[in-house]
């Protein structure tokens, strides 16, 4: 693959998602900085907190109609305690776009 094709493939293009009862958003795949932010906020070793990971990726990768972030980094605590019906569809789509876990079953295996 040549440079031009590779750079085109690396574009992190947001995609629309509708969360029933919460409205329409866009999500993007994790960038390196998004991934490092999530990793820094989820603990380490045996104490990894999956809810904080989901909160971090939702905070960083959920966008409004104009591609602006919906949440701030300071919203992690609230997002980690938010209703699963809102957080999980966003987190699973973000992971899918990032080439990570794609289904709820994959998340349970991790």
C-alpha atoms as a PDB file:
ATOM      1  CA  UNK A   1       0.000   0.000   0.000  1.00  0.00           C
ATOM      2  CA  UNK A   2       1.427   3.374  -0.917  1.00  0.00           C
ATOM      3  CA  UNK A   3       1.605   6.370   1.437  1.00  0.00           C
ATOM      4  CA  UNK A   4      -1.440   8.137  -0.029  1.00  0.00           C
ATOM      5  CA  UNK A   5      -3.657   5.052   0.257  1.00  0.00           C
ATOM      6  CA  UNK A   6      -2.425   4.341   3.768  1.00  0.00           C
ATOM      7  CA  UNK A   7      -3.077   7.893   4.957  1.00  0.00           C
ATOM      8  CA  UNK A   8      -6.585   7.729   3.494  1.00  0.00           C
ATOM      9  CA  UNK A   9      -7.198   4.455   5.316  1.00  0.00           C
ATOM     10  CA  UNK A  10      -5.962   5.968   8.597  1.00  0.00           C
ATOM     11  CA  UNK A  11      -8.566   8.756   8.568  1.00  0.00           C
ATOM     12  CA  UNK A  12     -10.717   8.454  11.686  1.00  0.00           C
ATOM     13  CA  UNK A  13     -14.084   9.337  10.175  1.00  0.00           C
ATOM     14  CA  UNK A  14     -16.972   9.653  12.682  1.00  0.00           C
ATOM     15  CA  UNK A  15     -20.056   7.532  12.016  1.00  0.00           C
ATOM     16  CA  UNK A  16     -23.631   8.203  13.148  1.00  0.00           C
ATOM     17  CA  UNK A  17     -25.264   6.188  15.916  1.00  0.00           C
ATOM     18  CA  UNK A  18     -28.705   6.437  17.495  1.00  0.00           C
ATOM     19  CA  UNK A  19     -29.124   5.472  21.127  1.00  0.00           C
ATOM     20  CA  UNK A  20     -32.773   4.717  21.812  1.00  0.00           C
ATOM     21  CA  UNK A  21     -34.144   7.151  24.361  1.00  0.00           C
ATOM     22  CA  UNK A  22     -31.058   9.382  24.198  1.00  0.00           C
ATOM     23  CA  UNK A  23     -30.851  10.610  20.614  1.00  0.00           C
ATOM     24  CA  UNK A  24     -28.399  10.774  17.754  1.00  0.00           C
ATOM     25  CA  UNK A  25     -24.640  11.083  18.061  1.00  0.00           C
ATOM     26  CA  UNK A  26     -21.499  10.320  16.134  1.00  0.00           C
ATOM     27  CA  UNK A  27     -18.628   8.170  17.343  1.00  0.00           C
ATOM     28  CA  UNK A  28     -15.081   7.760  16.118  1.00  0.00           C
ATOM     29  CA  UNK A  29     -12.492   5.094  16.625  1.00  0.00           C
ATOM     30  CA  UNK A  30      -9.859   5.508  19.309  1.00  0.00           C
ATOM     31  CA  UNK A  31      -6.821   7.580  18.438  1.00  0.00           C
ATOM     32  CA  UNK A  32      -3.543   6.825  20.174  1.00  0.00           C
ATOM     33  CA  UNK A  33      -4.115   9.678  22.643  1.00  0.00           C
ATOM     34  CA  UNK A  34      -7.670   8.454  23.341  1.00  0.00           C
ATOM     35  CA  UNK A  35      -6.359   4.952  24.028  1.00  0.00           C
ATOM     36  CA  UNK A  36      -3.606   6.232  26.329  1.00  0.00           C
ATOM     37  CA  UNK A  37      -6.129   8.420  28.198  1.00  0.00           C
ATOM     38  CA  UNK A  38      -8.415   5.427  28.709  1.00  0.00           C
ATOM     39  CA  UNK A  39      -5.526   3.225  29.819  1.00  0.00           C
ATOM     40  CA  UNK A  40      -4.348   5.849  32.313  1.00  0.00           C
ATOM     41  CA  UNK A  41      -7.816   6.039  33.864  1.00  0.00           C
ATOM     42  CA  UNK A  42      -8.646   2.355  34.242  1.00  0.00           C
ATOM     43  CA  UNK A  43      -6.167   1.065  36.799  1.00  0.00           C
ATOM     44  CA  UNK A  44      -3.608  -1.618  36.074  1.00  0.00           C
ATOM     45  CA  UNK A  45      -2.890  -5.289  36.502  1.00  0.00           C
ATOM     46  CA  UNK A  46      -5.683  -7.137  38.277  1.00  0.00           C
ATOM     47  CA  UNK A  47      -7.486  -3.912  39.234  1.00  0.00           C
ATOM     48  CA  UNK A  48      -8.574  -2.812  35.753  1.00  0.00           C
ATOM     49  CA  UNK A  49     -11.954  -1.108  36.006  1.00  0.00           C
ATOM     50  CA  UNK A  50     -13.936  -1.876  32.855  1.00  0.00           C
ATOM     51  CA  UNK A  51     -16.555   0.787  33.670  1.00  0.00           C
ATOM     52  CA  UNK A  52     -13.841   3.464  33.747  1.00  0.00           C
ATOM     53  CA  UNK A  53     -12.458   2.237  30.418  1.00  0.00           C
ATOM     54  CA  UNK A  54     -15.900   2.483  28.831  1.00  0.00           C
ATOM     55  CA  UNK A  55     -16.433   5.909  30.420  1.00  0.00           C
ATOM     56  CA  UNK A  56     -13.083   7.121  29.079  1.00  0.00           C
ATOM     57  CA  UNK A  57     -13.629   5.970  25.509  1.00  0.00           C
ATOM     58  CA  UNK A  58     -17.192   7.335  25.481  1.00  0.00           C
ATOM     59  CA  UNK A  59     -15.939  10.674  26.851  1.00  0.00           C
ATOM     60  CA  UNK A  60     -13.238  10.929  24.200  1.00  0.00           C
ATOM     61  CA  UNK A  61     -14.999   9.485  21.150  1.00  0.00           C
ATOM     62  CA  UNK A  62     -18.671  10.546  21.369  1.00  0.00           C
ATOM     63  CA  UNK A  63     -19.372  13.563  19.167  1.00  0.00           C
ATOM     64  CA  UNK A  64     -22.319  15.805  18.398  1.00  0.00           C
ATOM     65  CA  UNK A  65     -23.701  16.564  14.935  1.00  0.00           C
ATOM     66  CA  UNK A  66     -20.890  19.073  14.311  1.00  0.00           C
ATOM     67  CA  UNK A  67     -18.154  16.563  15.310  1.00  0.00           C
ATOM     68  CA  UNK A  68     -17.443  18.284  18.640  1.00  0.00           C
ATOM     69  CA  UNK A  69     -16.939  16.166  21.743  1.00  0.00           C
ATOM     70  CA  UNK A  70     -20.112  15.788  23.816  1.00  0.00           C
ATOM     71  CA  UNK A  71     -18.312  15.039  27.100  1.00  0.00           C
ATOM     72  CA  UNK A  72     -15.309  16.497  28.899  1.00  0.00           C
ATOM     73  CA  UNK A  73     -12.573  14.448  30.556  1.00  0.00           C
ATOM     74  CA  UNK A  74     -13.996  15.584  33.900  1.00  0.00           C
ATOM     75  CA  UNK A  75     -17.212  13.628  33.173  1.00  0.00           C
ATOM     76  CA  UNK A  76     -15.559  10.219  33.724  1.00  0.00           C
ATOM     77  CA  UNK A  77     -17.030   9.553  37.164  1.00  0.00           C
ATOM     78  CA  UNK A  78     -20.590  10.325  36.031  1.00  0.00           C
ATOM     79  CA  UNK A  79     -20.152   8.307  32.825  1.00  0.00           C
ATOM     80  CA  UNK A  80     -18.746   5.330  34.753  1.00  0.00           C
ATOM     81  CA  UNK A  81     -21.999   5.209  36.737  1.00  0.00           C
ATOM     82  CA  UNK A  82     -24.339   5.998  33.830  1.00  0.00           C
ATOM     83  CA  UNK A  83     -27.032   3.671  32.548  1.00  0.00           C
ATOM     84  CA  UNK A  84     -25.610   0.754  30.598  1.00  0.00           C
ATOM     85  CA  UNK A  85     -28.251   1.241  27.898  1.00  0.00           C
ATOM     86  CA  UNK A  86     -26.516   4.499  26.997  1.00  0.00           C
ATOM     87  CA  UNK A  87     -22.848   3.648  27.603  1.00  0.00           C
ATOM     88  CA  UNK A  88     -22.580   0.126  26.169  1.00  0.00           C
ATOM     89  CA  UNK A  89     -23.887   0.796  22.641  1.00  0.00           C
ATOM     90  CA  UNK A  90     -21.502   3.753  22.321  1.00  0.00           C
ATOM     91  CA  UNK A  91     -18.521   1.881  23.780  1.00  0.00           C
ATOM     92  CA  UNK A  92     -19.096  -1.202  21.641  1.00  0.00           C
ATOM     93  CA  UNK A  93     -19.356   0.877  18.454  1.00  0.00           C
ATOM     94  CA  UNK A  94     -16.204   2.830  19.367  1.00  0.00           C
ATOM     95  CA  UNK A  95     -14.323  -0.416  19.958  1.00  0.00           C
ATOM     96  CA  UNK A  96     -15.613  -1.841  16.693  1.00  0.00           C
ATOM     97  CA  UNK A  97     -14.364   1.217  14.804  1.00  0.00           C
ATOM     98  CA  UNK A  98     -11.043   0.873  16.614  1.00  0.00           C
ATOM     99  CA  UNK A  99     -10.568  -2.729  15.569  1.00  0.00           C
ATOM    100  CA  UNK A 100     -11.024  -3.903  19.172  1.00  0.00           C
ATOM    101  CA  UNK A 101     -13.792  -5.859  20.797  1.00  0.00           C
ATOM    102  CA  UNK A 102     -16.961  -5.729  18.737  1.00  0.00           C
ATOM    103  CA  UNK A 103     -19.721  -7.474  20.679  1.00  0.00           C
ATOM    104  CA  UNK A 104     -20.930  -7.674  24.242  1.00  0.00           C
ATOM    105  CA  UNK A 105     -19.762 -11.308  24.305  1.00  0.00           C
ATOM    106  CA  UNK A 106     -16.242 -10.197  23.327  1.00  0.00           C
ATOM    107  CA  UNK A 107     -16.283  -7.691  26.184  1.00  0.00           C
ATOM    108  CA  UNK A 108     -17.255 -10.416  28.660  1.00  0.00           C
ATOM    109  CA  UNK A 109     -14.318 -12.561  27.494  1.00  0.00           C
ATOM    110  CA  UNK A 110     -11.779  -9.779  27.987  1.00  0.00           C
END
